[in-house]
Amino acid sequence: MKKAVIFDFDGTIIDTESAWFDIYQEILKEQHGFNLTLEEFVKVVGSTDGALFDFIDKSLDVPVDRTVFHDQVNTRFETIREQLALREGFLETVKQLKERGVLLAVASSSKRNWVEGFLAQYGLLEYFPIIVSAEDVDEVKPNPAIYEVTLERLGVTPDEAIAVEDSYNGSIAAISAGVHCLIIPNDVTRSLSFHEKGQLIESFCDFDYRLLEQ
């Protein structure tokens, strides 16, 4: 029997990934003349973007000032933040799980204040008493540490949990931790090939509650 469901945040609960890609692409083109492709961007989704900037810097005469760049990205992101919506079927799924007595947690490679800020904005904090973020581990996804810490805090074993992810890096972290992983790709991650142990579904509307009985 499954006792817990662990959700990734970015791209899974809210599709922040598509917004990030558009903003990264805009700024890199405007200020550095660099054409960022989805193929390159998607490689770091679910993890950190250090490798992406290493790749970009190889193509530029002057490396990107990453601190300045992230400040610019965050400024633009704030202008569209209110327009972002929960992914289809998410809220109904979470309510159903809570009614069934399933333990809920968020396991994210992002910073805690980022995750908690969005959850508060959408009135979701009450559903997630356990939030594990980048500050809680030495290495983020695809390293399984975030899932291992989350399982420990939930007090469940890997076979008693289900993970929900949108990215390759996130799904590998869950699978490496021994957790059954549902993958709901978004517009950014839809083109990826996923691990054979991951279970692809189209949206939260396709969440099969019979999985809880396995």
Protein backbone atom coordinates (compact mmCIF):
# COMPACT_ATOMS: atom_id res chain seq x y z
CA MET A 1 0.00 0.00 0.00
CA LYS A 2 1.15 3.51 -0.79
CA LYS A 3 1.11 5.93 2.14
CA ALA A 4 2.58 9.07 0.55
CA VAL A 5 2.72 11.08 -2.66
CA ILE A 6 5.71 13.37 -3.21
CA PHE A 7 5.40 16.20 -5.72
CA ASP A 8 8.11 18.05 -7.57
CA PHE A 9 7.28 21.76 -7.74
CA ASP A 10 8.58 23.65 -10.79
CA GLY A 11 6.94 22.41 -13.95
CA THR A 12 4.85 19.85 -12.06
CA ILE A 13 2.52 21.84 -9.79
CA ILE A 14 2.87 25.06 -11.80
CA ASP A 15 4.51 25.19 -15.24
CA THR A 16 7.19 27.70 -14.33
CA GLU A 17 9.58 25.93 -16.70
CA SER A 18 7.93 27.22 -19.89
CA ALA A 19 8.00 30.76 -18.48
CA TRP A 20 11.66 30.43 -17.52
CA PHE A 21 12.57 29.20 -21.00
CA ASP A 22 10.85 32.14 -22.72
CA ILE A 23 12.56 34.67 -20.42
CA TYR A 24 16.00 33.03 -20.66
CA GLN A 25 15.66 32.97 -24.43
CA GLU A 26 14.61 36.64 -24.61
CA ILE A 27 17.42 38.00 -22.42
CA LEU A 28 20.16 35.88 -23.99
CA LYS A 29 19.08 37.00 -27.46
CA GLU A 30 18.69 40.67 -26.54
CA GLN A 31 21.86 41.12 -24.53
CA HIS A 32 24.24 38.45 -25.78
CA GLY A 33 23.04 37.60 -29.28
CA PHE A 34 22.76 33.97 -28.20
CA ASN A 35 20.01 31.74 -29.52
CA LEU A 36 19.03 29.38 -26.72
CA THR A 37 17.39 26.22 -28.01
CA LEU A 38 14.84 24.17 -26.14
CA GLU A 39 17.11 21.16 -26.65
CA GLU A 40 19.85 22.75 -24.53
CA PHE A 41 17.57 24.32 -21.93
CA VAL A 42 15.67 21.14 -21.22
CA LYS A 43 18.87 19.32 -20.19
CA VAL A 44 18.98 21.28 -16.92
CA VAL A 45 15.26 21.30 -16.13
CA GLY A 46 14.74 19.83 -12.69
CA SER A 47 18.32 20.52 -11.65
CA THR A 48 20.59 23.61 -11.60
CA ASP A 49 21.54 25.73 -14.62
CA GLY A 50 25.31 25.78 -14.06
CA ALA A 51 25.94 23.36 -16.93
CA LEU A 52 23.75 25.45 -19.23
CA PHE A 53 25.81 28.59 -18.57
CA ASP A 54 29.03 26.65 -19.05
CA PHE A 55 27.72 25.68 -22.49
CA ILE A 56 26.60 29.23 -23.31
CA ASP A 57 29.90 30.79 -22.19
CA LYS A 58 31.82 28.63 -24.66
CA SER A 59 29.95 30.38 -27.48
CA LEU A 60 30.49 33.95 -26.21
CA ASP A 61 33.50 36.26 -26.19
CA VAL A 62 32.55 37.50 -22.71
CA PRO A 63 30.96 35.07 -20.21
CA VAL A 64 27.48 35.82 -18.90
CA ASP A 65 27.45 37.53 -15.50
CA ARG A 66 25.23 34.95 -13.86
CA THR A 67 24.25 37.10 -10.88
CA VAL A 68 23.15 39.98 -13.11
CA PHE A 69 21.41 37.58 -15.48
CA HIS A 70 19.40 35.92 -12.71
CA ASP A 71 18.41 39.32 -11.32
CA GLN A 72 17.11 40.29 -14.75
CA VAL A 73 15.28 36.99 -15.14
CA ASN A 74 13.65 37.34 -11.73
CA THR A 75 12.53 40.89 -12.51
CA ARG A 76 10.82 39.79 -15.72
CA PHE A 77 9.38 36.71 -14.08
CA GLU A 78 7.64 38.83 -11.44
CA THR A 79 5.74 40.63 -14.19
CA ILE A 80 4.09 37.39 -15.34
CA ARG A 81 3.97 35.50 -12.04
CA GLU A 82 0.28 36.22 -11.42
CA GLN A 83 -0.59 34.81 -14.85
CA LEU A 84 0.70 31.32 -14.04
CA ALA A 85 -1.90 28.70 -13.19
CA LEU A 86 -1.88 25.36 -11.41
CA ARG A 87 -1.53 22.49 -13.83
CA GLU A 88 -4.73 20.89 -15.00
CA GLY A 89 -6.27 18.56 -12.44
CA PHE A 90 -3.64 19.21 -9.76
CA LEU A 91 -5.88 20.75 -7.10
CA GLU A 92 -8.54 18.09 -7.48
CA THR A 93 -5.89 15.36 -7.21
CA VAL A 94 -4.38 16.84 -4.05
CA LYS A 95 -7.80 17.19 -2.42
CA GLN A 96 -8.64 13.59 -3.28
CA LEU A 97 -5.36 12.34 -1.84
CA LYS A 98 -5.78 14.31 1.36
CA GLU A 99 -9.35 12.97 1.80
CA ARG A 100 -7.94 9.45 1.46
CA GLY A 101 -5.46 10.12 4.25
CA VAL A 102 -2.40 10.05 1.98
CA LEU A 103 0.69 11.89 3.28
CA LEU A 104 1.77 14.74 0.98
CA ALA A 105 5.14 16.40 0.47
CA VAL A 106 7.02 18.61 -1.98
CA ALA A 107 10.57 17.68 -3.04
CA SER A 108 12.15 20.45 -5.10
CA SER A 109 15.59 21.46 -6.38
CA SER A 110 14.53 25.08 -5.94
CA LYS A 111 15.03 27.24 -2.85
CA ARG A 112 12.52 26.91 -0.01
CA ASN A 113 11.31 30.52 -0.13
CA TRP A 114 10.53 30.13 -3.85
CA VAL A 115 8.44 27.02 -3.30
CA GLU A 116 6.70 28.25 -0.15
CA GLY A 117 5.95 31.62 -1.77
CA PHE A 118 4.05 30.00 -4.61
CA LEU A 119 2.28 27.51 -2.37
CA ALA A 120 1.14 30.38 -0.15
CA GLN A 121 0.04 32.39 -3.19
CA TYR A 122 -2.24 29.56 -4.30
CA GLY A 123 -3.43 28.61 -0.81
CA LEU A 124 -1.65 25.25 -0.88
CA LEU A 125 0.64 25.37 2.15
CA GLU A 126 -1.88 23.51 4.31
CA TYR A 127 -1.60 20.47 2.03
CA PHE A 128 2.17 20.17 2.34
CA PRO A 129 3.47 19.97 5.91
CA ILE A 130 6.74 18.62 4.53
CA ILE A 131 8.76 20.60 1.97
CA VAL A 132 12.28 19.49 1.10
CA SER A 133 14.30 21.94 -0.99
CA ALA A 134 17.80 22.70 -2.26
CA GLU A 135 18.89 23.93 1.19
CA ASP A 136 18.25 20.50 2.71
CA VAL A 137 20.79 18.55 0.63
CA ASP A 138 24.33 18.79 -0.67
CA GLU A 139 23.30 17.85 -4.21
CA VAL A 140 19.99 18.46 -5.96
CA LYS A 141 18.30 16.29 -8.59
CA PRO A 142 19.19 14.09 -10.43
CA ASN A 143 20.94 13.05 -7.23
CA PRO A 144 18.38 11.08 -5.17
CA ALA A 145 19.22 12.89 -1.91
CA ILE A 146 16.14 15.14 -1.99
CA TYR A 147 13.89 12.09 -2.21
CA GLU A 148 15.82 10.23 0.45
CA VAL A 149 15.42 13.13 2.88
CA THR A 150 11.72 13.47 2.01
CA LEU A 151 11.07 9.77 2.62
CA GLU A 152 12.83 10.00 5.97
CA ARG A 153 10.77 13.00 7.05
CA LEU A 154 7.55 11.34 5.91
CA GLY A 155 8.48 8.19 7.81
CA VAL A 156 7.82 5.92 4.83
CA THR A 157 9.89 3.48 2.77
CA PRO A 158 10.48 3.98 -0.96
CA ASP A 159 7.92 1.32 -1.89
CA GLU A 160 5.29 3.15 0.18
CA ALA A 161 5.54 6.34 -1.88
CA ILE A 162 4.73 7.71 -5.32
CA ALA A 163 6.64 10.59 -6.89
CA VAL A 164 5.19 13.01 -9.44
CA GLU A 165 7.70 14.73 -11.74
CA ASP A 166 7.81 16.59 -15.04
CA SER A 167 11.50 16.30 -15.98
CA TYR A 168 14.13 13.70 -16.76
CA ASN A 169 16.41 14.89 -13.93
CA GLY A 170 13.59 14.77 -11.42
CA SER A 171 12.37 11.37 -12.49
CA ILE A 172 15.88 9.90 -12.29
CA ALA A 173 16.20 11.24 -8.73
CA ALA A 174 12.94 9.55 -7.72
CA ILE A 175 13.69 6.27 -9.49
CA SER A 176 17.22 6.17 -8.03
CA ALA A 177 15.68 6.54 -4.58
CA GLY A 178 13.48 3.52 -5.30
CA VAL A 179 10.23 5.47 -5.61
CA HIS A 180 7.61 4.72 -8.27
CA CYS A 181 7.53 7.82 -10.49
CA LEU A 182 4.62 9.29 -12.43
CA ILE A 183 5.82 11.72 -15.10
CA ILE A 184 3.55 14.50 -16.38
CA PRO A 185 5.58 16.38 -19.02
CA ASN A 186 4.90 20.04 -19.77
CA ASP A 187 5.52 21.99 -22.99
CA VAL A 188 9.25 22.24 -22.21
CA THR A 189 9.86 18.62 -21.20
CA ARG A 190 7.44 16.87 -23.55
CA SER A 191 10.17 16.15 -26.10
CA LEU A 192 12.36 14.26 -23.61
CA SER A 193 12.91 10.53 -23.47
CA PHE A 194 12.30 9.19 -19.99
CA HIS A 195 13.58 6.19 -18.05
CA GLU A 196 11.66 2.98 -18.75
CA LYS A 197 10.73 2.72 -15.07
CA GLY A 198 8.92 6.05 -15.17
CA GLN A 199 5.16 5.98 -15.82
CA LEU A 200 4.07 8.68 -18.27
CA ILE A 201 0.61 10.21 -17.95
CA GLU A 202 -0.89 13.18 -19.82
CA SER A 203 -2.14 15.21 -16.87
CA PHE A 204 -3.26 14.98 -13.24
CA CYS A 205 -6.69 14.15 -14.62
CA ASP A 206 -5.21 10.74 -15.46
CA PHE A 207 -3.96 10.04 -11.92
CA ASP A 208 -4.90 6.41 -11.19
CA TYR A 209 -5.84 6.11 -7.52
CA ARG A 210 -5.55 2.35 -7.79
CA LEU A 211 -1.77 2.89 -7.60
CA LEU A 212 -2.28 3.63 -3.90
CA GLU A 213 -3.34 0.04 -3.36
CA GLN A 214 -0.19 -1.48 -4.83
